[in-house]
Amino acid sequence: MKKVNVALVRLFQFIVFVLFIFMVIVYFGAMVLLPLDAIALLIKLMGVLGLHGFIGALIAIPVVGYLCFVVYKTPGLCKMIVDTGVELIKTAKLRVDAFNDIVDAVKA
């Protein structure tokens, strides 16, 4: 019966690990995809206003680049965004390591 309990704890540990991996990938992926999405939306907006897609891209890319520069220059904002992701990683490590204590208790 102990082997079954250990297997269940390891299964839950794996599920929590995969869940946190997914959250970290989504968090940092969103940081990359948000500017790209803003560019795509501005190009579509320029198309609605009557500008061709190429001209819209020539306008939208510098606009989004400037917005990213403003975010970069804002004191502490970039550090806070990265620190939030790092804290998510640290929390994941603590939660996954907490299962090892449960396994030791089950084996005893």
PDB file of N, CA and C in Angstrom:
ATOM      1  N   MET A   1       0.818  -1.195   0.000  1.00  0.00           N
ATOM      2  CA  MET A   1       0.000   0.000   0.000  1.00  0.00           C
ATOM      3  C   MET A   1       0.867   1.267   0.000  1.00  0.00           C
ATOM      4  N   LYS A   2       2.048   1.177   0.615  1.00  0.00           N
ATOM      5  CA  LYS A   2       2.928   2.339   0.644  1.00  0.00           C
ATOM      6  C   LYS A   2       3.378   2.733  -0.760  1.00  0.00           C
ATOM      7  N   LYS A   3       3.611   1.728  -1.624  1.00  0.00           N
ATOM      8  CA  LYS A   3       4.054   2.029  -2.985  1.00  0.00           C
ATOM      9  C   LYS A   3       2.972   2.766  -3.759  1.00  0.00           C
ATOM     10  N   VAL A   4       1.722   2.406  -3.512  1.00  0.00           N
ATOM     11  CA  VAL A   4       0.615   3.089  -4.182  1.00  0.00           C
ATOM     12  C   VAL A   4       0.532   4.539  -3.701  1.00  0.00           C
ATOM     13  N   ASN A   5       0.683   4.742  -2.397  1.00  0.00           N
ATOM     14  CA  ASN A   5       0.643   6.099  -1.856  1.00  0.00           C
ATOM     15  C   ASN A   5       1.797   6.945  -2.393  1.00  0.00           C
ATOM     16  N   VAL A   6       2.980   6.356  -2.451  1.00  0.00           N
ATOM     17  CA  VAL A   6       4.137   7.073  -2.990  1.00  0.00           C
ATOM     18  C   VAL A   6       3.898   7.412  -4.464  1.00  0.00           C
ATOM     19  N   ALA A   7       3.339   6.474  -5.207  1.00  0.00           N
ATOM     20  CA  ALA A   7       3.060   6.717  -6.625  1.00  0.00           C
ATOM     21  C   ALA A   7       2.038   7.840  -6.795  1.00  0.00           C
ATOM     22  N   LEU A   8       1.033   7.889  -5.938  1.00  0.00           N
ATOM     23  CA  LEU A   8       0.037   8.962  -6.024  1.00  0.00           C
ATOM     24  C   LEU A   8       0.651  10.324  -5.692  1.00  0.00           C
ATOM     25  N   VAL A   9       1.496  10.347  -4.681  1.00  0.00           N
ATOM     26  CA  VAL A   9       2.152  11.611  -4.328  1.00  0.00           C
ATOM     27  C   VAL A   9       3.053  12.068  -5.468  1.00  0.00           C
ATOM     28  N   ARG A  10       3.794  11.144  -6.059  1.00  0.00           N
ATOM     29  CA  ARG A  10       4.663  11.505  -7.194  1.00  0.00           C
ATOM     30  C   ARG A  10       3.836  11.978  -8.394  1.00  0.00           C
ATOM     31  N   LEU A  11       2.664  11.367  -8.592  1.00  0.00           N
ATOM     32  CA  LEU A  11       1.782  11.789  -9.681  1.00  0.00           C
ATOM     33  C   LEU A  11       1.318  13.220  -9.454  1.00  0.00           C
ATOM     34  N   PHE A  12       0.886  13.523  -8.230  1.00  0.00           N
ATOM     35  CA  PHE A  12       0.465  14.881  -7.920  1.00  0.00           C
ATOM     36  C   PHE A  12       1.635  15.858  -8.021  1.00  0.00           C
ATOM     37  N   GLN A  13       2.811  15.424  -7.638  1.00  0.00           N
ATOM     38  CA  GLN A  13       3.998  16.267  -7.759  1.00  0.00           C
ATOM     39  C   GLN A  13       4.255  16.595  -9.228  1.00  0.00           C
ATOM     40  N   PHE A  14       4.125  15.605 -10.086  1.00  0.00           N
ATOM     41  CA  PHE A  14       4.331  15.822 -11.515  1.00  0.00           C
ATOM     42  C   PHE A  14       3.274  16.767 -12.079  1.00  0.00           C
ATOM     43  N   ILE A  15       2.028  16.613 -11.640  1.00  0.00           N
ATOM     44  CA  ILE A  15       0.953  17.480 -12.130  1.00  0.00           C
ATOM     45  C   ILE A  15       1.206  18.928 -11.715  1.00  0.00           C
ATOM     46  N   VAL A  16       1.627  19.138 -10.467  1.00  0.00           N
ATOM     47  CA  VAL A  16       1.935  20.492 -10.000  1.00  0.00           C
ATOM     48  C   VAL A  16       3.123  21.062 -10.768  1.00  0.00           C
ATOM     49  N   PHE A  17       4.130  20.227 -11.022  1.00  0.00           N
ATOM     50  CA  PHE A  17       5.296  20.657 -11.793  1.00  0.00           C
ATOM     51  C   PHE A  17       4.892  21.111 -13.191  1.00  0.00           C
ATOM     52  N   VAL A  18       4.080  20.319 -13.865  1.00  0.00           N
ATOM     53  CA  VAL A  18       3.637  20.658 -15.220  1.00  0.00           C
ATOM     54  C   VAL A  18       2.778  21.922 -15.200  1.00  0.00           C
ATOM     55  N   LEU A  19       1.939  22.071 -14.193  1.00  0.00           N
ATOM     56  CA  LEU A  19       1.101  23.256 -14.078  1.00  0.00           C
ATOM     57  C   LEU A  19       1.947  24.523 -13.938  1.00  0.00           C
ATOM     58  N   PHE A  20       2.948  24.482 -13.073  1.00  0.00           N
ATOM     59  CA  PHE A  20       3.804  25.652 -12.902  1.00  0.00           C
ATOM     60  C   PHE A  20       4.658  25.923 -14.138  1.00  0.00           C
ATOM     61  N   ILE A  21       5.120  24.887 -14.807  1.00  0.00           N
ATOM     62  CA  ILE A  21       5.872  25.077 -16.056  1.00  0.00           C
ATOM     63  C   ILE A  21       4.997  25.793 -17.075  1.00  0.00           C
ATOM     64  N   PHE A  22       3.746  25.374 -17.177  1.00  0.00           N
ATOM     65  CA  PHE A  22       2.816  26.015 -18.101  1.00  0.00           C
ATOM     66  C   PHE A  22       2.616  27.488 -17.741  1.00  0.00           C
ATOM     67  N   MET A  23       2.450  27.787 -16.446  1.00  0.00           N
ATOM     68  CA  MET A  23       2.243  29.172 -16.023  1.00  0.00           C
ATOM     69  C   MET A  23       3.453  30.047 -16.333  1.00  0.00           C
ATOM     70  N   VAL A  24       4.651  29.520 -16.128  1.00  0.00           N
ATOM     71  CA  VAL A  24       5.863  30.298 -16.406  1.00  0.00           C
ATOM     72  C   VAL A  24       6.005  30.543 -17.907  1.00  0.00           C
ATOM     73  N   ILE A  25       5.727  29.534 -18.708  1.00  0.00           N
ATOM     74  CA  ILE A  25       5.817  29.704 -20.162  1.00  0.00           C
ATOM     75  C   ILE A  25       4.797  30.717 -20.650  1.00  0.00           C
ATOM     76  N   VAL A  26       3.576  30.665 -20.115  1.00  0.00           N
ATOM     77  CA  VAL A  26       2.545  31.628 -20.512  1.00  0.00           C
ATOM     78  C   VAL A  26       2.932  33.035 -20.076  1.00  0.00           C
ATOM     79  N   TYR A  27       3.474  33.182 -18.871  1.00  0.00           N
ATOM     80  CA  TYR A  27       3.841  34.507 -18.363  1.00  0.00           C
ATOM     81  C   TYR A  27       4.911  35.153 -19.239  1.00  0.00           C
ATOM     82  N   PHE A  28       6.000  34.445 -19.461  1.00  0.00           N
ATOM     83  CA  PHE A  28       7.076  35.040 -20.250  1.00  0.00           C
ATOM     84  C   PHE A  28       6.732  35.084 -21.738  1.00  0.00           C
ATOM     85  N   GLY A  29       5.908  34.157 -22.204  1.00  0.00           N
ATOM     86  CA  GLY A  29       5.452  34.212 -23.595  1.00  0.00           C
ATOM     87  C   GLY A  29       4.572  35.423 -23.857  1.00  0.00           C
ATOM     88  N   ALA A  30       3.756  35.772 -22.871  1.00  0.00           N
ATOM     89  CA  ALA A  30       2.906  36.953 -23.018  1.00  0.00           C
ATOM     90  C   ALA A  30       3.741  38.223 -23.120  1.00  0.00           C
ATOM     91  N   MET A  31       4.870  38.256 -22.414  1.00  0.00           N
ATOM     92  CA  MET A  31       5.741  39.432 -22.484  1.00  0.00           C
ATOM     93  C   MET A  31       6.308  39.612 -23.888  1.00  0.00           C
ATOM     94  N   VAL A  32       6.479  38.523 -24.610  1.00  0.00           N
ATOM     95  CA  VAL A  32       6.995  38.593 -25.978  1.00  0.00           C
ATOM     96  C   VAL A  32       5.861  38.877 -26.961  1.00  0.00           C
ATOM     97  N   LEU A  33       4.703  38.258 -26.733  1.00  0.00           N
ATOM     98  CA  LEU A  33       3.614  38.360 -27.703  1.00  0.00           C
ATOM     99  C   LEU A  33       2.811  39.657 -27.610  1.00  0.00           C
ATOM    100  N   LEU A  34       2.808  40.323 -26.460  1.00  0.00           N
ATOM    101  CA  LEU A  34       2.032  41.565 -26.348  1.00  0.00           C
ATOM    102  C   LEU A  34       2.487  42.647 -27.332  1.00  0.00           C
ATOM    103  N   PRO A  35       3.765  42.925 -27.462  1.00  0.00           N
ATOM    104  CA  PRO A  35       4.158  43.927 -28.470  1.00  0.00           C
ATOM    105  C   PRO A  35       3.849  43.483 -29.900  1.00  0.00           C
ATOM    106  N   LEU A  36       4.010  42.197 -30.173  1.00  0.00           N
ATOM    107  CA  LEU A  36       3.710  41.710 -31.526  1.00  0.00           C
ATOM    108  C   LEU A  36       2.221  41.840 -31.833  1.00  0.00           C
ATOM    109  N   ASP A  37       1.381  41.584 -30.834  1.00  0.00           N
ATOM    110  CA  ASP A  37      -0.053  41.727 -31.019  1.00  0.00           C
ATOM    111  C   ASP A  37      -0.427  43.196 -31.196  1.00  0.00           C
ATOM    112  N   ALA A  38       0.228  44.071 -30.458  1.00  0.00           N
ATOM    113  CA  ALA A  38      -0.041  45.502 -30.616  1.00  0.00           C
ATOM    114  C   ALA A  38       0.313  45.964 -32.028  1.00  0.00           C
ATOM    115  N   ILE A  39       1.388  45.444 -32.566  1.00  0.00           N
ATOM    116  CA  ILE A  39       1.757  45.783 -33.954  1.00  0.00           C
ATOM    117  C   ILE A  39       0.692  45.303 -34.924  1.00  0.00           C
ATOM    118  N   ALA A  40       0.234  44.064 -34.754  1.00  0.00           N
ATOM    119  CA  ALA A  40      -0.785  43.520 -35.655  1.00  0.00           C
ATOM    120  C   ALA A  40      -2.086  44.316 -35.564  1.00  0.00           C
ATOM    121  N   LEU A  41      -2.482  44.684 -34.344  1.00  0.00           N
ATOM    122  CA  LEU A  41      -3.721  45.452 -34.187  1.00  0.00           C
ATOM    123  C   LEU A  41      -3.601  46.850 -34.777  1.00  0.00           C
ATOM    124  N   LEU A  42      -2.450  47.479 -34.612  1.00  0.00           N
ATOM    125  CA  LEU A  42      -2.263  48.807 -35.211  1.00  0.00           C
ATOM    126  C   LEU A  42      -2.249  48.740 -36.735  1.00  0.00           C
ATOM    127  N   ILE A  43      -1.677  47.696 -37.305  1.00  0.00           N
ATOM    128  CA  ILE A  43      -1.686  47.540 -38.761  1.00  0.00           C
ATOM    129  C   ILE A  43      -3.120  47.373 -39.259  1.00  0.00           C
ATOM    130  N   LYS A  44      -3.926  46.581 -38.524  1.00  0.00           N
ATOM    131  CA  LYS A  44      -5.331  46.424 -38.921  1.00  0.00           C
ATOM    132  C   LYS A  44      -6.093  47.738 -38.779  1.00  0.00           C
ATOM    133  N   LEU A  45      -5.789  48.490 -37.713  1.00  0.00           N
ATOM    134  CA  LEU A  45      -6.444  49.789 -37.527  1.00  0.00           C
ATOM    135  C   LEU A  45      -6.083  50.736 -38.658  1.00  0.00           C
ATOM    136  N   MET A  46      -4.842  50.729 -39.066  1.00  0.00           N
ATOM    137  CA  MET A  46      -4.425  51.576 -40.187  1.00  0.00           C
ATOM    138  C   MET A  46      -5.133  51.153 -41.475  1.00  0.00           C
ATOM    139  N   GLY A  47      -5.371  49.846 -41.623  1.00  0.00           N
ATOM    140  CA  GLY A  47      -6.104  49.369 -42.790  1.00  0.00           C
ATOM    141  C   GLY A  47      -7.538  49.856 -42.789  1.00  0.00           C
ATOM    142  N   VAL A  48      -8.151  49.922 -41.628  1.00  0.00           N
ATOM    143  CA  VAL A  48      -9.514  50.440 -41.529  1.00  0.00           C
ATOM    144  C   VAL A  48      -9.542  51.928 -41.891  1.00  0.00           C
ATOM    145  N   LEU A  49      -8.488  52.622 -41.514  1.00  0.00           N
ATOM    146  CA  LEU A  49      -8.415  54.052 -41.816  1.00  0.00           C
ATOM    147  C   LEU A  49      -8.024  54.334 -43.262  1.00  0.00           C
ATOM    148  N   GLY A  50      -7.728  53.291 -44.039  1.00  0.00           N
ATOM    149  CA  GLY A  50      -7.463  53.468 -45.459  1.00  0.00           C
ATOM    150  C   GLY A  50      -6.015  53.353 -45.875  1.00  0.00           C
ATOM    151  N   LEU A  51      -5.123  53.075 -44.936  1.00  0.00           N
ATOM    152  CA  LEU A  51      -3.717  52.911 -45.296  1.00  0.00           C
ATOM    153  C   LEU A  51      -3.439  51.456 -45.646  1.00  0.00           C
ATOM    154  N   HIS A  52      -2.551  51.272 -46.592  1.00  0.00           N
ATOM    155  CA  HIS A  52      -2.169  49.922 -46.999  1.00  0.00           C
ATOM    156  C   HIS A  52      -1.396  49.249 -45.856  1.00  0.00           C
ATOM    157  N   GLY A  53      -1.369  47.914 -45.824  1.00  0.00           N
ATOM    158  CA  GLY A  53      -0.717  47.174 -44.748  1.00  0.00           C
ATOM    159  C   GLY A  53       0.754  47.481 -44.592  1.00  0.00           C
ATOM    160  N   PHE A  54       1.442  47.658 -45.710  1.00  0.00           N
ATOM    161  CA  PHE A  54       2.877  47.959 -45.640  1.00  0.00           C
ATOM    162  C   PHE A  54       3.122  49.323 -45.007  1.00  0.00           C
ATOM    163  N   ILE A  55       2.336  50.296 -45.396  1.00  0.00           N
ATOM    164  CA  ILE A  55       2.469  51.639 -44.812  1.00  0.00           C
ATOM    165  C   ILE A  55       2.056  51.603 -43.343  1.00  0.00           C
ATOM    166  N   GLY A  56       1.015  50.846 -43.039  1.00  0.00           N
ATOM    167  CA  GLY A  56       0.596  50.691 -41.647  1.00  0.00           C
ATOM    168  C   GLY A  56       1.679  50.060 -40.801  1.00  0.00           C
ATOM    169  N   ALA A  57       2.389  49.088 -41.374  1.00  0.00           N
ATOM    170  CA  ALA A  57       3.496  48.451 -40.642  1.00  0.00           C
ATOM    171  C   ALA A  57       4.635  49.434 -40.428  1.00  0.00           C
ATOM    172  N   LEU A  58       4.908  50.268 -41.417  1.00  0.00           N
ATOM    173  CA  LEU A  58       5.969  51.268 -41.272  1.00  0.00           C
ATOM    174  C   LEU A  58       5.639  52.285 -40.176  1.00  0.00           C
ATOM    175  N   ILE A  59       4.364  52.485 -39.913  1.00  0.00           N
ATOM    176  CA  ILE A  59       3.962  53.396 -38.846  1.00  0.00           C
ATOM    177  C   ILE A  59       3.844  52.657 -37.515  1.00  0.00           C
ATOM    178  N   ALA A  60       3.280  51.459 -37.530  1.00  0.00           N
ATOM    179  CA  ALA A  60       2.978  50.733 -36.288  1.00  0.00           C
ATOM    180  C   ALA A  60       4.238  50.241 -35.573  1.00  0.00           C
ATOM    181  N   ILE A  61       5.220  49.779 -36.300  1.00  0.00           N
ATOM    182  CA  ILE A  61       6.427  49.224 -35.664  1.00  0.00           C
ATOM    183  C   ILE A  61       7.174  50.284 -34.853  1.00  0.00           C
ATOM    184  N   PRO A  62       7.415  51.482 -35.382  1.00  0.00           N
ATOM    185  CA  PRO A  62       8.068  52.488 -34.531  1.00  0.00           C
ATOM    186  C   PRO A  62       7.210  52.936 -33.339  1.00  0.00           C
ATOM    187  N   VAL A  63       5.889  52.974 -33.526  1.00  0.00           N
ATOM    188  CA  VAL A  63       5.001  53.369 -32.419  1.00  0.00           C
ATOM    189  C   VAL A  63       5.105  52.362 -31.283  1.00  0.00           C
ATOM    190  N   VAL A  64       5.026  51.080 -31.595  1.00  0.00           N
ATOM    191  CA  VAL A  64       5.138  50.047 -30.560  1.00  0.00           C
ATOM    192  C   VAL A  64       6.553  50.020 -29.989  1.00  0.00           C
ATOM    193  N   GLY A  65       7.549  50.251 -30.834  1.00  0.00           N
ATOM    194  CA  GLY A  65       8.922  50.339 -30.340  1.00  0.00           C
ATOM    195  C   GLY A  65       9.091  51.466 -29.340  1.00  0.00           C
ATOM    196  N   TYR A  66       8.457  52.608 -29.615  1.00  0.00           N
ATOM    197  CA  TYR A  66       8.530  53.731 -28.680  1.00  0.00           C
ATOM    198  C   TYR A  66       7.812  53.388 -27.372  1.00  0.00           C
ATOM    199  N   LEU A  67       6.659  52.729 -27.463  1.00  0.00           N
ATOM    200  CA  LEU A  67       5.950  52.324 -26.243  1.00  0.00           C
ATOM    201  C   LEU A  67       6.781  51.353 -25.415  1.00  0.00           C
ATOM    202  N   CYS A  68       7.455  50.434 -26.071  1.00  0.00           N
ATOM    203  CA  CYS A  68       8.343  49.507 -25.349  1.00  0.00           C
ATOM    204  C   CYS A  68       9.502  50.268 -24.712  1.00  0.00           C
ATOM    205  N   PHE A  69      10.009  51.284 -25.406  1.00  0.00           N
ATOM    206  CA  PHE A  69      11.090  52.105 -24.849  1.00  0.00           C
ATOM    207  C   PHE A  69      10.618  52.867 -23.614  1.00  0.00           C
ATOM    208  N   VAL A  70       9.390  53.371 -23.642  1.00  0.00           N
ATOM    209  CA  VAL A  70       8.826  54.079 -22.489  1.00  0.00           C
ATOM    210  C   VAL A  70       8.691  53.124 -21.307  1.00  0.00           C
ATOM    211  N   VAL A  71       8.237  51.900 -21.574  1.00  0.00           N
ATOM    212  CA  VAL A  71       8.132  50.901 -20.502  1.00  0.00           C
ATOM    213  C   VAL A  71       9.520  50.587 -19.962  1.00  0.00           C
ATOM    214  N   TYR A  72      10.503  50.468 -20.838  1.00  0.00           N
ATOM    215  CA  TYR A  72      11.874  50.180 -20.417  1.00  0.00           C
ATOM    216  C   TYR A  72      12.438  51.305 -19.554  1.00  0.00           C
ATOM    217  N   LYS A  73      12.133  52.538 -19.905  1.00  0.00           N
ATOM    218  CA  LYS A  73      12.678  53.690 -19.185  1.00  0.00           C
ATOM    219  C   LYS A  73      11.925  53.979 -17.878  1.00  0.00           C
ATOM    220  N   THR A  74      10.739  53.412 -17.702  1.00  0.00           N
ATOM    221  CA  THR A  74       9.989  53.639 -16.465  1.00  0.00           C
ATOM    222  C   THR A  74      10.745  52.983 -15.320  1.00  0.00           C
ATOM    223  N   PRO A  75      11.084  53.752 -14.290  1.00  0.00           N
ATOM    224  CA  PRO A  75      11.911  53.209 -13.206  1.00  0.00           C
ATOM    225  C   PRO A  75      11.225  52.045 -12.478  1.00  0.00           C
ATOM    226  N   GLY A  76      11.891  50.919 -12.462  1.00  0.00           N
ATOM    227  CA  GLY A  76      11.436  49.770 -11.697  1.00  0.00           C
ATOM    228  C   GLY A  76      10.407  48.890 -12.368  1.00  0.00           C
ATOM    229  N   LEU A  77       9.841  49.303 -13.502  1.00  0.00           N
ATOM    230  CA  LEU A  77       8.776  48.512 -14.120  1.00  0.00           C
ATOM    231  C   LEU A  77       9.302  47.208 -14.712  1.00  0.00           C
ATOM    232  N   CYS A  78      10.380  47.287 -15.481  1.00  0.00           N
ATOM    233  CA  CYS A  78      10.943  46.062 -16.078  1.00  0.00           C
ATOM    234  C   CYS A  78      11.434  45.112 -14.992  1.00  0.00           C
ATOM    235  N   LYS A  79      12.058  45.659 -13.968  1.00  0.00           N
ATOM    236  CA  LYS A  79      12.553  44.827 -12.871  1.00  0.00           C
ATOM    237  C   LYS A  79      11.396  44.144 -12.158  1.00  0.00           C
ATOM    238  N   MET A  80      10.283  44.863 -11.972  1.00  0.00           N
ATOM    239  CA  MET A  80       9.124  44.274 -11.312  1.00  0.00           C
ATOM    240  C   MET A  80       8.525  43.143 -12.147  1.00  0.00           C
ATOM    241  N   ILE A  81       8.472  43.331 -13.452  1.00  0.00           N
ATOM    242  CA  ILE A  81       7.904  42.302 -14.330  1.00  0.00           C
ATOM    243  C   ILE A  81       8.768  41.047 -14.298  1.00  0.00           C
ATOM    244  N   VAL A  82      10.079  41.213 -14.388  1.00  0.00           N
ATOM    245  CA  VAL A  82      10.975  40.057 -14.348  1.00  0.00           C
ATOM    246  C   VAL A  82      10.969  39.412 -12.968  1.00  0.00           C
ATOM    247  N   ASP A  83      10.954  40.231 -11.911  1.00  0.00           N
ATOM    248  CA  ASP A  83      10.936  39.686 -10.548  1.00  0.00           C
ATOM    249  C   ASP A  83       9.669  38.894 -10.271  1.00  0.00           C
ATOM    250  N   THR A  84       8.549  39.313 -10.854  1.00  0.00           N
ATOM    251  CA  THR A  84       7.313  38.553 -10.691  1.00  0.00           C
ATOM    252  C   THR A  84       7.458  37.168 -11.303  1.00  0.00           C
ATOM    253  N   GLY A  85       8.064  37.085 -12.479  1.00  0.00           N
ATOM    254  CA  GLY A  85       8.298  35.783 -13.100  1.00  0.00           C
ATOM    255  C   GLY A  85       9.264  34.925 -12.302  1.00  0.00           C
ATOM    256  N   VAL A  86      10.306  35.543 -11.751  1.00  0.00           N
ATOM    257  CA  VAL A  86      11.277  34.807 -10.942  1.00  0.00           C
ATOM    258  C   VAL A  86      10.618  34.300  -9.653  1.00  0.00           C
ATOM    259  N   GLU A  87       9.759  35.123  -9.049  1.00  0.00           N
ATOM    260  CA  GLU A  87       9.028  34.686  -7.851  1.00  0.00           C
ATOM    261  C   GLU A  87       8.097  33.516  -8.174  1.00  0.00           C
ATOM    262  N   LEU A  88       7.519  33.535  -9.355  1.00  0.00           N
ATOM    263  CA  LEU A  88       6.685  32.409  -9.776  1.00  0.00           C
ATOM    264  C   LEU A  88       7.514  31.138  -9.876  1.00  0.00           C
ATOM    265  N   ILE A  89       8.720  31.255 -10.385  1.00  0.00           N
ATOM    266  CA  ILE A  89       9.608  30.100 -10.495  1.00  0.00           C
ATOM    267  C   ILE A  89      10.019  29.611  -9.111  1.00  0.00           C
ATOM    268  N   LYS A  90      10.348  30.540  -8.200  1.00  0.00           N
ATOM    269  CA  LYS A  90      10.727  30.139  -6.842  1.00  0.00           C
ATOM    270  C   LYS A  90       9.568  29.463  -6.113  1.00  0.00           C
ATOM    271  N   THR A  91       8.366  29.990  -6.287  1.00  0.00           N
ATOM    272  CA  THR A  91       7.184  29.377  -5.676  1.00  0.00           C
ATOM    273  C   THR A  91       6.971  27.970  -6.224  1.00  0.00           C
ATOM    274  N   ALA A  92       7.168  27.813  -7.518  1.00  0.00           N
ATOM    275  CA  ALA A  92       7.014  26.484  -8.123  1.00  0.00           C
ATOM    276  C   ALA A  92       8.010  25.504  -7.522  1.00  0.00           C
ATOM    277  N   LYS A  93       9.249  25.936  -7.359  1.00  0.00           N
ATOM    278  CA  LYS A  93      10.263  25.045  -6.789  1.00  0.00           C
ATOM    279  C   LYS A  93       9.898  24.656  -5.361  1.00  0.00           C
ATOM    280  N   LEU A  94       9.436  25.611  -4.577  1.00  0.00           N
ATOM    281  CA  LEU A  94       9.045  25.306  -3.192  1.00  0.00           C
ATOM    282  C   LEU A  94       7.863  24.334  -3.133  1.00  0.00           C
ATOM    283  N   ARG A  95       6.887  24.537  -3.999  1.00  0.00           N
ATOM    284  CA  ARG A  95       5.702  23.660  -3.993  1.00  0.00           C
ATOM    285  C   ARG A  95       6.060  22.246  -4.444  1.00  0.00           C
ATOM    286  N   VAL A  96       6.920  22.140  -5.454  1.00  0.00           N
ATOM    287  CA  VAL A  96       7.308  20.805  -5.937  1.00  0.00           C
ATOM    288  C   VAL A  96       8.186  20.103  -4.903  1.00  0.00           C
ATOM    289  N   ASP A  97       9.072  20.849  -4.245  1.00  0.00           N
ATOM    290  CA  ASP A  97       9.921  20.248  -3.212  1.00  0.00           C
ATOM    291  C   ASP A  97       9.129  19.852  -1.969  1.00  0.00           C
ATOM    292  N   ALA A  98       7.997  20.499  -1.733  1.00  0.00           N
ATOM    293  CA  ALA A  98       7.174  20.157  -0.564  1.00  0.00           C
ATOM    294  C   ALA A  98       6.631  18.737  -0.668  1.00  0.00           C
ATOM    295  N   PHE A  99       6.492  18.239  -1.874  1.00  0.00           N
ATOM    296  CA  PHE A  99       6.007  16.869  -2.050  1.00  0.00           C
ATOM    297  C   PHE A  99       7.021  15.843  -1.550  1.00  0.00           C
ATOM    298  N   ASN A 100       8.309  16.192  -1.569  1.00  0.00           N
ATOM    299  CA  ASN A 100       9.327  15.250  -1.089  1.00  0.00           C
ATOM    300  C   ASN A 100       9.157  14.958   0.398  1.00  0.00           C
ATOM    301  N   ASP A 101       8.739  15.960   1.187  1.00  0.00           N
ATOM    302  CA  ASP A 101       8.468  15.730   2.600  1.00  0.00           C
ATOM    303  C   ASP A 101       7.295  14.784   2.787  1.00  0.00           C
ATOM    304  N   ILE A 102       6.304  14.927   1.937  1.00  0.00           N
ATOM    305  CA  ILE A 102       5.138  14.032   2.022  1.00  0.00           C
ATOM    306  C   ILE A 102       5.534  12.623   1.659  1.00  0.00           C
ATOM    307  N   VAL A 103       6.383  12.453   0.670  1.00  0.00           N
ATOM    308  CA  VAL A 103       6.851  11.108   0.284  1.00  0.00           C
ATOM    309  C   VAL A 103       7.641  10.474   1.431  1.00  0.00           C
ATOM    310  N   ASP A 104       8.496  11.265   2.058  1.00  0.00           N
ATOM    311  CA  ASP A 104       9.266  10.728   3.204  1.00  0.00           C
ATOM    312  C   ASP A 104       8.330  10.303   4.337  1.00  0.00           C
ATOM    313  N   ALA A 105       7.268  11.070   4.570  1.00  0.00           N
ATOM    314  CA  ALA A 105       6.309  10.702   5.630  1.00  0.00           C
ATOM    315  C   ALA A 105       5.540   9.435   5.268  1.00  0.00           C
ATOM    316  N   VAL A 106       5.220   9.270   4.002  1.00  0.00           N
ATOM    317  CA  VAL A 106       4.487   8.085   3.571  1.00  0.00           C
ATOM    318  C   VAL A 106       5.361   6.839   3.643  1.00  0.00           C
ATOM    319  N   LYS A 107       6.626   6.975   3.290  1.00  0.00           N
ATOM    320  CA  LYS A 107       7.541   5.828   3.326  1.00  0.00           C
ATOM    321  C   LYS A 107       7.810   5.362   4.759  1.00  0.00           C
ATOM    322  N   ALA A 108       7.772   6.281   5.710  1.00  0.00           N
ATOM    323  CA  ALA A 108       8.094   5.911   7.100  1.00  0.00           C
ATOM    324  C   ALA A 108       7.018   5.091   7.768  1.00  0.00           C
TER     325      ALA A 108
END
